[in-house]
Amino acid sequence: MMLSHMNRQMEPSGPLSATWFKLPNGNLMHRCGIELVKDGRQWRMTDQSGLEFAWFAIREQGLSRHEAQGLANLLVEQGALWADHGLH
């Protein structure tokens, strides 16, 4: 899987730190390597993470585009909740 580019400078942030990490640049990283960036008021996957996730979900896991998009949205929503609502 291409999502193995975990940043060595990650700092765990609380009891759910096994799932999400806050990076020094303010971005979030999921334990599988997906990186989220805050784009204005909303979180989204970085362009690179979005491409890698789409490849993995569609090509390697056999999900449809609709299923892959739904899973991506769920991951972003979870990360946003973790970051914005004190779940860390």
C-alpha atoms as a PDB file:
ATOM      1  CA  MET A   1       0.000   0.000   0.000  1.00  0.00           C
ATOM      2  CA  MET A   2       1.275   3.474  -0.872  1.00  0.00           C
ATOM      3  CA  LEU A   3      -0.022   5.070   2.343  1.00  0.00           C
ATOM      4  CA  SER A   4       3.074   4.180   4.370  1.00  0.00           C
ATOM      5  CA  HIS A   5       4.710   7.627   4.380  1.00  0.00           C
ATOM      6  CA  MET A   6       4.094   8.246   8.084  1.00  0.00           C
ATOM      7  CA  ASN A   7       5.853  11.360   9.314  1.00  0.00           C
ATOM      8  CA  ARG A   8       8.395  10.593  12.038  1.00  0.00           C
ATOM      9  CA  GLN A   9       7.673  13.952  13.713  1.00  0.00           C
ATOM     10  CA  MET A  10       4.089  13.087  14.656  1.00  0.00           C
ATOM     11  CA  GLU A  11       3.032  13.801  18.191  1.00  0.00           C
ATOM     12  CA  PRO A  12       0.219  11.751  19.755  1.00  0.00           C
ATOM     13  CA  SER A  13      -2.593  13.921  21.081  1.00  0.00           C
ATOM     14  CA  GLY A  14      -4.570  12.142  23.763  1.00  0.00           C
ATOM     15  CA  PRO A  15      -6.321   8.806  24.253  1.00  0.00           C
ATOM     16  CA  LEU A  16      -7.405   8.336  20.632  1.00  0.00           C
ATOM     17  CA  SER A  17      -3.900   8.993  19.384  1.00  0.00           C
ATOM     18  CA  ALA A  18      -3.685   5.475  17.983  1.00  0.00           C
ATOM     19  CA  THR A  19      -6.002   6.617  15.169  1.00  0.00           C
ATOM     20  CA  TRP A  20      -5.149  10.268  14.479  1.00  0.00           C
ATOM     21  CA  PHE A  21      -1.995  12.300  14.953  1.00  0.00           C
ATOM     22  CA  LYS A  22      -1.478  16.032  14.724  1.00  0.00           C
ATOM     23  CA  LEU A  23       1.545  16.895  12.584  1.00  0.00           C
ATOM     24  CA  PRO A  24       3.877  19.819  13.336  1.00  0.00           C
ATOM     25  CA  ASN A  25       2.425  21.727  10.351  1.00  0.00           C
ATOM     26  CA  GLY A  26      -1.113  21.486  11.806  1.00  0.00           C
ATOM     27  CA  ASN A  27      -2.294  18.768   9.443  1.00  0.00           C
ATOM     28  CA  LEU A  28      -3.739  15.506  10.706  1.00  0.00           C
ATOM     29  CA  MET A  29      -2.559  12.029   9.821  1.00  0.00           C
ATOM     30  CA  HIS A  30      -4.575   8.848  10.176  1.00  0.00           C
ATOM     31  CA  ARG A  31      -2.674   5.772  11.318  1.00  0.00           C
ATOM     32  CA  CYS A  32      -2.917   4.355   7.768  1.00  0.00           C
ATOM     33  CA  GLY A  33      -1.070   7.397   6.377  1.00  0.00           C
ATOM     34  CA  ILE A  34      -3.920   9.516   5.043  1.00  0.00           C
ATOM     35  CA  GLU A  35      -3.158  13.173   5.647  1.00  0.00           C
ATOM     36  CA  LEU A  36      -5.813  15.841   6.148  1.00  0.00           C
ATOM     37  CA  VAL A  37      -5.329  19.567   5.719  1.00  0.00           C
ATOM     38  CA  LYS A  38      -7.678  22.324   6.853  1.00  0.00           C
ATOM     39  CA  ASP A  39      -8.763  24.237   3.780  1.00  0.00           C
ATOM     40  CA  GLY A  40     -10.431  27.354   5.143  1.00  0.00           C
ATOM     41  CA  ARG A  41     -13.109  26.045   7.498  1.00  0.00           C
ATOM     42  CA  GLN A  42     -13.203  22.471   6.223  1.00  0.00           C
ATOM     43  CA  TRP A  43     -10.855  19.518   6.427  1.00  0.00           C
ATOM     44  CA  ARG A  44      -9.965  17.572   3.292  1.00  0.00           C
ATOM     45  CA  MET A  45      -7.429  14.991   2.209  1.00  0.00           C
ATOM     46  CA  THR A  46      -4.235  16.403   0.777  1.00  0.00           C
ATOM     47  CA  ASP A  47      -4.035  15.964  -2.984  1.00  0.00           C
ATOM     48  CA  GLN A  48      -1.422  13.217  -2.610  1.00  0.00           C
ATOM     49  CA  SER A  49      -3.425  11.350   0.036  1.00  0.00           C
ATOM     50  CA  GLY A  50      -6.569  11.632  -2.071  1.00  0.00           C
ATOM     51  CA  LEU A  51      -4.844  10.068  -5.067  1.00  0.00           C
ATOM     52  CA  GLU A  52      -3.280   7.311  -2.993  1.00  0.00           C
ATOM     53  CA  PHE A  53      -6.548   6.579  -1.230  1.00  0.00           C
ATOM     54  CA  ALA A  54      -8.493   6.428  -4.504  1.00  0.00           C
ATOM     55  CA  TRP A  55      -5.927   4.036  -5.991  1.00  0.00           C
ATOM     56  CA  PHE A  56      -6.019   1.810  -2.922  1.00  0.00           C
ATOM     57  CA  ALA A  57      -9.813   1.795  -2.523  1.00  0.00           C
ATOM     58  CA  ILE A  58     -10.686   1.301  -6.187  1.00  0.00           C
ATOM     59  CA  ARG A  59      -7.785  -0.690  -7.627  1.00  0.00           C
ATOM     60  CA  GLU A  60      -6.654  -2.747  -4.649  1.00  0.00           C
ATOM     61  CA  GLN A  61      -9.903  -3.164  -2.700  1.00  0.00           C
ATOM     62  CA  GLY A  62     -12.306  -3.237  -5.638  1.00  0.00           C
ATOM     63  CA  LEU A  63     -14.639  -0.523  -4.374  1.00  0.00           C
ATOM     64  CA  SER A  64     -16.751   1.463  -6.796  1.00  0.00           C
ATOM     65  CA  ARG A  65     -16.035   5.181  -7.134  1.00  0.00           C
ATOM     66  CA  HIS A  66     -19.179   5.883  -5.123  1.00  0.00           C
ATOM     67  CA  GLU A  67     -18.103   3.503  -2.335  1.00  0.00           C
ATOM     68  CA  ALA A  68     -14.559   4.906  -2.309  1.00  0.00           C
ATOM     69  CA  GLN A  69     -15.888   8.472  -2.100  1.00  0.00           C
ATOM     70  CA  GLY A  70     -18.181   7.508   0.760  1.00  0.00           C
ATOM     71  CA  LEU A  71     -15.303   5.928   2.662  1.00  0.00           C
ATOM     72  CA  ALA A  72     -13.079   8.945   2.005  1.00  0.00           C
ATOM     73  CA  ASN A  73     -15.826  11.271   3.261  1.00  0.00           C
ATOM     74  CA  LEU A  74     -16.189   9.161   6.402  1.00  0.00           C
ATOM     75  CA  LEU A  75     -12.453   9.336   7.125  1.00  0.00           C
ATOM     76  CA  VAL A  76     -12.399  13.091   6.622  1.00  0.00           C
ATOM     77  CA  GLU A  77     -15.473  13.493   8.850  1.00  0.00           C
ATOM     78  CA  GLN A  78     -13.854  11.405  11.600  1.00  0.00           C
ATOM     79  CA  GLY A  79     -10.644  13.411  11.408  1.00  0.00           C
ATOM     80  CA  ALA A  80     -12.538  16.696  11.460  1.00  0.00           C
ATOM     81  CA  LEU A  81     -14.517  15.647  14.518  1.00  0.00           C
ATOM     82  CA  TRP A  82     -11.322  14.567  16.245  1.00  0.00           C
ATOM     83  CA  ALA A  83      -9.594  17.858  15.447  1.00  0.00           C
ATOM     84  CA  ASP A  84     -12.425  20.347  15.834  1.00  0.00           C
ATOM     85  CA  HIS A  85     -14.481  18.982  18.709  1.00  0.00           C
ATOM     86  CA  GLY A  86     -11.963  18.014  21.335  1.00  0.00           C
ATOM     87  CA  LEU A  87     -11.927  14.277  20.766  1.00  0.00           C
ATOM     88  CA  HIS A  88      -8.157  14.246  21.198  1.00  0.00           C
END
